[in-house]
N, C-alpha and C. Protein backbone atom coordinates (compact mmCIF):
# COMPACT_ATOMS: atom_id res chain seq x y z
N MET A 1 120.87 179.13 127.65
CA MET A 1 121.87 178.78 126.66
C MET A 1 123.04 179.75 126.74
N PRO A 2 124.20 179.30 126.34
CA PRO A 2 125.37 180.17 126.39
C PRO A 2 125.22 181.35 125.44
N HIS A 3 125.89 182.43 125.79
CA HIS A 3 125.93 183.60 124.91
C HIS A 3 127.39 183.91 124.64
N PHE A 4 127.74 184.07 123.39
CA PHE A 4 129.11 184.38 123.00
C PHE A 4 129.20 185.83 122.56
N PHE A 5 130.17 186.55 123.09
CA PHE A 5 130.40 187.93 122.70
C PHE A 5 131.39 187.95 121.56
N SER A 6 131.13 188.76 120.56
CA SER A 6 132.06 188.85 119.44
C SER A 6 132.43 190.31 119.20
N ASN A 7 133.66 190.52 118.83
CA ASN A 7 134.19 191.86 118.52
C ASN A 7 133.84 192.87 119.59
N ALA A 8 133.13 193.94 119.23
CA ALA A 8 132.82 195.01 120.18
C ALA A 8 131.58 194.71 121.01
N ASN A 9 130.96 193.59 120.79
CA ASN A 9 129.76 193.21 121.51
C ASN A 9 130.17 192.53 122.82
N THR A 10 130.44 193.33 123.84
CA THR A 10 130.94 192.79 125.10
C THR A 10 130.05 193.18 126.25
N ILE A 11 130.37 192.65 127.40
CA ILE A 11 129.63 193.00 128.61
C ILE A 11 129.76 194.49 128.90
N GLU A 12 130.90 195.07 128.53
CA GLU A 12 131.12 196.49 128.79
C GLU A 12 130.12 197.38 128.06
N ASN A 13 129.86 197.10 126.81
CA ASN A 13 129.02 198.02 126.04
C ASN A 13 127.61 197.52 125.77
N ARG A 14 127.26 196.34 126.23
CA ARG A 14 125.90 195.85 126.01
C ARG A 14 125.18 195.56 127.32
N VAL A 15 125.71 194.63 128.09
CA VAL A 15 125.03 194.21 129.30
C VAL A 15 125.00 195.32 130.34
N ARG A 16 126.14 195.97 130.55
CA ARG A 16 126.19 197.04 131.54
C ARG A 16 125.20 198.16 131.19
N VAL A 17 125.06 198.48 129.91
CA VAL A 17 124.10 199.51 129.48
C VAL A 17 122.69 199.08 129.85
N ARG A 18 122.35 197.82 129.61
CA ARG A 18 121.01 197.32 129.96
C ARG A 18 120.79 197.33 131.46
N ILE A 19 121.83 196.98 132.22
CA ILE A 19 121.70 196.99 133.68
C ILE A 19 121.44 198.41 134.16
N ARG A 20 122.25 199.34 133.71
CA ARG A 20 122.10 200.73 134.17
C ARG A 20 120.79 201.35 133.71
N SER A 21 120.27 200.92 132.59
CA SER A 21 119.00 201.48 132.10
C SER A 21 117.81 200.94 132.89
N GLY A 22 118.05 199.92 133.70
CA GLY A 22 116.99 199.34 134.51
C GLY A 22 116.19 198.27 133.79
N LYS A 23 116.56 197.93 132.56
CA LYS A 23 115.77 196.97 131.79
C LYS A 23 115.88 195.54 132.30
N ILE A 24 116.98 195.20 132.97
CA ILE A 24 117.08 193.84 133.50
C ILE A 24 117.35 193.83 135.00
N LEU A 25 117.42 194.97 135.62
CA LEU A 25 117.73 195.01 137.05
C LEU A 25 116.72 194.28 137.91
N TRP A 26 115.48 194.35 137.58
CA TRP A 26 114.45 193.75 138.41
C TRP A 26 114.61 192.25 138.55
N GLU A 27 115.29 191.61 137.60
CA GLU A 27 115.44 190.16 137.64
C GLU A 27 116.85 189.72 138.03
N LEU A 28 117.75 190.64 138.25
CA LEU A 28 119.16 190.31 138.45
C LEU A 28 119.56 190.30 139.92
N TRP A 29 120.15 189.20 140.35
CA TRP A 29 120.82 189.10 141.64
C TRP A 29 122.30 188.99 141.32
N PHE A 30 123.14 189.57 142.16
CA PHE A 30 124.58 189.54 141.93
C PHE A 30 125.25 188.81 143.08
N GLN A 31 126.04 187.80 142.77
CA GLN A 31 126.77 187.04 143.79
C GLN A 31 128.25 187.15 143.50
N GLN A 32 129.04 187.39 144.55
CA GLN A 32 130.49 187.42 144.39
C GLN A 32 131.15 186.82 145.62
N ASP A 33 132.42 186.47 145.45
CA ASP A 33 133.14 185.88 146.57
C ASP A 33 133.68 186.97 147.49
N GLY A 34 134.47 186.58 148.46
CA GLY A 34 134.94 187.51 149.46
C GLY A 34 136.30 188.12 149.18
N ALA A 35 136.76 188.10 147.93
CA ALA A 35 138.05 188.72 147.61
C ALA A 35 138.04 190.18 148.05
N THR A 36 139.17 190.66 148.52
CA THR A 36 139.27 192.01 149.07
C THR A 36 138.77 193.07 148.09
N CYS A 37 139.14 192.96 146.83
CA CYS A 37 138.69 193.97 145.85
C CYS A 37 137.18 193.92 145.67
N HIS A 38 136.57 192.76 145.88
CA HIS A 38 135.12 192.64 145.74
C HIS A 38 134.38 193.22 146.93
N THR A 39 135.01 193.21 148.09
CA THR A 39 134.33 193.68 149.30
C THR A 39 134.80 195.07 149.74
N ALA A 40 135.60 195.73 148.92
CA ALA A 40 136.02 197.10 149.22
C ALA A 40 134.78 197.99 149.30
N ARG A 41 134.79 198.94 150.17
CA ARG A 41 133.63 199.80 150.40
C ARG A 41 133.14 200.45 149.10
N ALA A 42 134.06 200.94 148.26
CA ALA A 42 133.65 201.59 147.01
C ALA A 42 132.91 200.60 146.11
N THR A 43 133.39 199.36 146.06
CA THR A 43 132.74 198.34 145.24
C THR A 43 131.35 198.02 145.77
N ILE A 44 131.27 197.79 147.07
CA ILE A 44 129.98 197.45 147.68
C ILE A 44 128.99 198.60 147.53
N ASP A 45 129.45 199.83 147.72
CA ASP A 45 128.56 200.98 147.57
C ASP A 45 128.00 201.06 146.15
N LEU A 46 128.86 200.85 145.15
CA LEU A 46 128.41 200.88 143.76
C LEU A 46 127.39 199.78 143.50
N LEU A 47 127.67 198.57 143.99
CA LEU A 47 126.74 197.47 143.78
C LEU A 47 125.41 197.70 144.48
N LYS A 48 125.45 198.22 145.69
CA LYS A 48 124.20 198.50 146.41
C LYS A 48 123.40 199.59 145.71
N ASP A 49 124.09 200.62 145.22
CA ASP A 49 123.39 201.68 144.48
C ASP A 49 122.71 201.13 143.24
N THR A 50 123.35 200.15 142.60
CA THR A 50 122.83 199.58 141.36
C THR A 50 121.79 198.50 141.62
N LEU A 51 122.04 197.64 142.60
CA LEU A 51 121.22 196.45 142.79
C LEU A 51 120.32 196.47 144.01
N GLY A 52 120.51 197.43 144.88
CA GLY A 52 119.71 197.45 146.11
C GLY A 52 120.04 196.25 146.97
N ASP A 53 119.01 195.52 147.39
CA ASP A 53 119.22 194.38 148.28
C ASP A 53 119.45 193.06 147.55
N ARG A 54 119.66 193.10 146.25
CA ARG A 54 119.88 191.89 145.46
C ARG A 54 121.37 191.60 145.29
N LEU A 55 122.12 191.78 146.37
CA LEU A 55 123.56 191.57 146.39
C LEU A 55 123.89 190.46 147.39
N ILE A 56 124.58 189.45 146.92
CA ILE A 56 125.04 188.35 147.77
C ILE A 56 126.56 188.46 147.83
N SER A 57 127.07 188.84 149.00
CA SER A 57 128.50 189.08 149.13
C SER A 57 128.91 188.94 150.59
N ARG A 58 130.16 188.74 150.81
CA ARG A 58 130.68 188.62 152.17
C ARG A 58 130.42 189.91 152.94
N PHE A 59 129.97 189.77 154.17
CA PHE A 59 129.69 190.87 155.10
C PHE A 59 128.42 191.65 154.77
N GLU A 60 127.63 191.20 153.83
CA GLU A 60 126.41 191.91 153.46
C GLU A 60 125.20 191.19 154.05
N PRO A 61 124.02 191.84 154.03
CA PRO A 61 122.83 191.20 154.62
C PRO A 61 122.56 189.80 154.06
N VAL A 62 122.72 189.62 152.75
CA VAL A 62 122.67 188.27 152.19
C VAL A 62 124.13 187.87 152.04
N SER A 63 124.65 187.27 153.10
CA SER A 63 126.09 187.01 153.19
C SER A 63 126.46 185.71 152.49
N TRP A 64 127.67 185.68 151.97
CA TRP A 64 128.19 184.50 151.30
C TRP A 64 129.54 184.17 151.92
N PRO A 65 129.79 182.90 152.24
CA PRO A 65 131.05 182.54 152.89
C PRO A 65 132.27 182.86 152.01
N PRO A 66 133.41 183.11 152.63
CA PRO A 66 134.60 183.47 151.86
C PRO A 66 135.09 182.36 150.93
N ARG A 67 134.87 181.11 151.25
CA ARG A 67 135.32 180.01 150.40
C ARG A 67 134.13 179.45 149.62
N SER A 68 133.51 180.30 148.86
CA SER A 68 132.24 179.93 148.23
C SER A 68 132.36 178.91 147.12
N CYS A 69 133.56 178.63 146.63
CA CYS A 69 133.67 177.63 145.55
C CYS A 69 133.16 176.27 146.01
N ASP A 70 133.23 176.00 147.31
CA ASP A 70 132.69 174.73 147.82
C ASP A 70 131.17 174.71 147.79
N LEU A 71 130.55 175.87 147.68
CA LEU A 71 129.08 175.95 147.73
C LEU A 71 128.46 176.46 146.43
N THR A 72 129.26 176.71 145.43
CA THR A 72 128.75 177.27 144.19
C THR A 72 128.73 176.20 143.10
N PRO A 73 127.53 175.74 142.71
CA PRO A 73 127.46 174.67 141.70
C PRO A 73 128.19 174.98 140.40
N LEU A 74 128.26 176.24 140.02
CA LEU A 74 129.01 176.57 138.81
C LEU A 74 130.48 176.23 138.98
N ASP A 75 131.02 176.44 140.19
CA ASP A 75 132.43 176.14 140.44
C ASP A 75 132.67 174.65 140.66
N TYR A 76 131.89 174.00 141.52
CA TYR A 76 132.21 172.62 141.86
C TYR A 76 131.64 171.61 140.89
N PHE A 77 130.76 172.01 140.01
CA PHE A 77 130.22 171.05 139.05
C PHE A 77 130.28 171.53 137.60
N LEU A 78 129.57 172.59 137.29
CA LEU A 78 129.28 172.90 135.89
C LEU A 78 130.51 173.13 135.03
N TRP A 79 131.42 174.00 135.46
CA TRP A 79 132.54 174.35 134.58
C TRP A 79 133.41 173.14 134.26
N GLY A 80 133.73 172.33 135.25
CA GLY A 80 134.55 171.14 134.99
C GLY A 80 133.83 170.11 134.14
N TYR A 81 132.55 169.92 134.41
CA TYR A 81 131.74 168.97 133.64
C TYR A 81 131.67 169.39 132.17
N VAL A 82 131.32 170.65 131.95
CA VAL A 82 131.20 171.16 130.58
C VAL A 82 132.55 171.09 129.86
N LYS A 83 133.60 171.55 130.53
CA LYS A 83 134.92 171.57 129.90
C LYS A 83 135.36 170.17 129.48
N SER A 84 135.13 169.18 130.34
CA SER A 84 135.57 167.82 130.01
C SER A 84 134.86 167.29 128.76
N LEU A 85 133.61 167.64 128.58
CA LEU A 85 132.86 167.17 127.41
C LEU A 85 133.12 168.03 126.17
N VAL A 86 133.26 169.33 126.36
CA VAL A 86 133.48 170.24 125.24
C VAL A 86 134.80 169.93 124.53
N TYR A 87 135.82 169.61 125.31
CA TYR A 87 137.14 169.37 124.72
C TYR A 87 137.41 167.90 124.40
N ALA A 88 136.43 167.03 124.60
CA ALA A 88 136.63 165.59 124.37
C ALA A 88 137.06 165.28 122.94
N ASP A 89 136.50 166.01 121.96
CA ASP A 89 136.87 165.74 120.57
C ASP A 89 137.88 166.75 120.02
N LYS A 90 138.53 167.48 120.91
CA LYS A 90 139.59 168.43 120.57
C LYS A 90 139.19 169.38 119.43
N PRO A 91 138.23 170.26 119.68
CA PRO A 91 137.79 171.19 118.62
C PRO A 91 138.95 172.02 118.08
N GLN A 92 138.97 172.18 116.76
CA GLN A 92 140.07 172.89 116.11
C GLN A 92 139.70 174.29 115.64
N THR A 93 138.41 174.62 115.67
CA THR A 93 137.98 175.95 115.24
C THR A 93 137.07 176.56 116.31
N LEU A 94 136.93 177.86 116.26
CA LEU A 94 136.06 178.55 117.20
C LEU A 94 134.61 178.10 117.01
N ASP A 95 134.18 177.94 115.76
CA ASP A 95 132.81 177.48 115.50
C ASP A 95 132.57 176.09 116.10
N HIS A 96 133.53 175.21 115.93
CA HIS A 96 133.42 173.86 116.49
C HIS A 96 133.33 173.93 118.02
N LEU A 97 134.17 174.76 118.62
CA LEU A 97 134.15 174.93 120.08
C LEU A 97 132.79 175.45 120.54
N GLU A 98 132.28 176.48 119.88
CA GLU A 98 130.97 177.04 120.25
C GLU A 98 129.86 176.01 120.06
N ASP A 99 129.92 175.24 118.98
CA ASP A 99 128.92 174.18 118.76
C ASP A 99 128.96 173.16 119.90
N ASN A 100 130.16 172.77 120.30
CA ASN A 100 130.29 171.82 121.41
C ASN A 100 129.71 172.39 122.69
N ILE A 101 129.99 173.65 122.98
CA ILE A 101 129.47 174.27 124.20
C ILE A 101 127.95 174.28 124.18
N HIS A 102 127.37 174.70 123.07
CA HIS A 102 125.90 174.70 122.95
C HIS A 102 125.33 173.29 123.17
N ARG A 103 125.94 172.30 122.53
CA ARG A 103 125.45 170.93 122.62
C ARG A 103 125.54 170.40 124.05
N VAL A 104 126.68 170.61 124.69
CA VAL A 104 126.88 170.08 126.04
C VAL A 104 125.90 170.73 127.02
N ILE A 105 125.73 172.03 126.94
CA ILE A 105 124.79 172.72 127.84
C ILE A 105 123.36 172.23 127.58
N ALA A 106 122.99 172.11 126.30
CA ALA A 106 121.63 171.67 125.96
C ALA A 106 121.36 170.24 126.42
N ASP A 107 122.41 169.43 126.50
CA ASP A 107 122.24 168.02 126.87
C ASP A 107 122.19 167.78 128.38
N ILE A 108 122.40 168.80 129.19
CA ILE A 108 122.33 168.60 130.64
C ILE A 108 120.87 168.40 131.02
N ARG A 109 120.57 167.26 131.58
CA ARG A 109 119.19 166.89 131.92
C ARG A 109 118.79 167.42 133.29
N PRO A 110 117.50 167.67 133.48
CA PRO A 110 117.01 168.13 134.78
C PRO A 110 117.41 167.21 135.93
N GLN A 111 117.45 165.90 135.68
CA GLN A 111 117.83 164.96 136.74
C GLN A 111 119.26 165.22 137.21
N ARG A 112 120.14 165.57 136.30
CA ARG A 112 121.53 165.88 136.66
C ARG A 112 121.55 167.11 137.56
N LEU A 113 120.78 168.12 137.21
CA LEU A 113 120.73 169.34 138.02
C LEU A 113 120.13 169.06 139.39
N GLU A 114 119.15 168.17 139.46
CA GLU A 114 118.59 167.78 140.75
C GLU A 114 119.66 167.12 141.63
N GLN A 115 120.50 166.28 141.01
CA GLN A 115 121.59 165.64 141.76
C GLN A 115 122.57 166.69 142.28
N VAL A 116 122.86 167.68 141.46
CA VAL A 116 123.79 168.74 141.88
C VAL A 116 123.22 169.49 143.07
N ILE A 117 121.93 169.78 143.05
CA ILE A 117 121.30 170.50 144.16
C ILE A 117 121.27 169.63 145.42
N GLU A 118 121.00 168.33 145.26
CA GLU A 118 121.06 167.43 146.42
C GLU A 118 122.46 167.41 147.01
N ASN A 119 123.46 167.39 146.15
CA ASN A 119 124.84 167.43 146.62
C ASN A 119 125.13 168.76 147.31
N TRP A 120 124.54 169.82 146.82
CA TRP A 120 124.72 171.15 147.42
C TRP A 120 124.27 171.15 148.87
N THR A 121 123.15 170.48 149.16
CA THR A 121 122.69 170.45 150.55
C THR A 121 123.67 169.68 151.43
N SER A 122 124.30 168.63 150.90
CA SER A 122 125.33 167.91 151.65
C SER A 122 126.53 168.82 151.92
N ARG A 123 126.87 169.61 150.95
CA ARG A 123 127.97 170.56 151.12
C ARG A 123 127.64 171.60 152.18
N LEU A 124 126.40 172.09 152.17
CA LEU A 124 125.99 173.05 153.20
C LEU A 124 126.13 172.44 154.59
N ASP A 125 125.67 171.20 154.73
CA ASP A 125 125.77 170.51 156.02
C ASP A 125 127.22 170.41 156.46
N TYR A 126 128.11 170.05 155.53
CA TYR A 126 129.53 169.92 155.87
C TYR A 126 130.11 171.27 156.31
N ILE A 127 129.83 172.32 155.55
CA ILE A 127 130.38 173.65 155.87
C ILE A 127 129.87 174.11 157.23
N ARG A 128 128.58 173.88 157.51
CA ARG A 128 128.03 174.25 158.83
C ARG A 128 128.74 173.48 159.94
N ALA A 129 128.85 172.17 159.78
CA ALA A 129 129.45 171.32 160.81
C ALA A 129 130.92 171.66 161.05
N SER A 130 131.62 172.06 159.98
CA SER A 130 133.05 172.38 160.12
C SER A 130 133.29 173.85 160.42
N ARG A 131 132.20 174.58 160.66
CA ARG A 131 132.26 176.00 161.00
C ARG A 131 132.97 176.83 159.93
N GLY A 132 132.68 176.49 158.67
CA GLY A 132 133.17 177.29 157.55
C GLY A 132 134.48 176.85 156.95
N SER A 133 135.03 175.73 157.41
CA SER A 133 136.30 175.27 156.85
C SER A 133 136.12 174.81 155.41
N PRO A 134 137.16 174.97 154.58
CA PRO A 134 137.05 174.47 153.21
C PRO A 134 136.94 172.96 153.20
N MET A 135 136.35 172.45 152.17
CA MET A 135 136.14 171.00 152.07
C MET A 135 137.45 170.33 151.66
N PRO A 136 137.86 169.27 152.37
CA PRO A 136 139.14 168.63 152.07
C PRO A 136 139.08 167.68 150.88
N GLU A 137 137.90 167.30 150.45
CA GLU A 137 137.78 166.34 149.36
C GLU A 137 136.52 166.63 148.56
N ILE A 138 136.48 166.06 147.39
CA ILE A 138 135.30 166.23 146.54
C ILE A 138 134.22 165.26 147.01
N ILE A 139 133.01 165.79 147.22
CA ILE A 139 131.91 164.90 147.63
C ILE A 139 130.78 164.92 146.61
N LEU A 140 131.12 165.18 145.36
CA LEU A 140 130.11 165.20 144.31
C LEU A 140 129.83 163.76 143.90
N LYS A 141 128.67 163.27 144.25
CA LYS A 141 128.29 161.89 143.94
C LYS A 141 127.14 161.93 142.94
N MET A 142 127.37 161.39 141.78
CA MET A 142 126.34 161.42 140.74
C MET A 142 126.07 160.01 140.27
């Protein structure tokens, strides 16, 4: 389910503290794209020191292609799908917006996620065949 940060309750002072304390590190994998600031040696060194081998990034042992939006279900499916439904009734308050987000996420059925994963394998095939070229069109078939 979604988590909303309010006031001083942010990733800076809550999640990062838990990560550094080791309380959630054992279950956390970190994935990032190939942006230069993300793959700078200082950044990679910090992530490796924190996460060990649970890092998915360009040029790393668990490598991720530079145009990962074509292969990341959150990018090619979830955010657009959720946004289209969340804003359908034009929420006017923050509470209404948060309620819509909770409802839309809760209503995503396992069958929909199975379709997204099936589509993901088609995307992998395309990226392999095109030797890493970005996808020229949307191939999300649901």
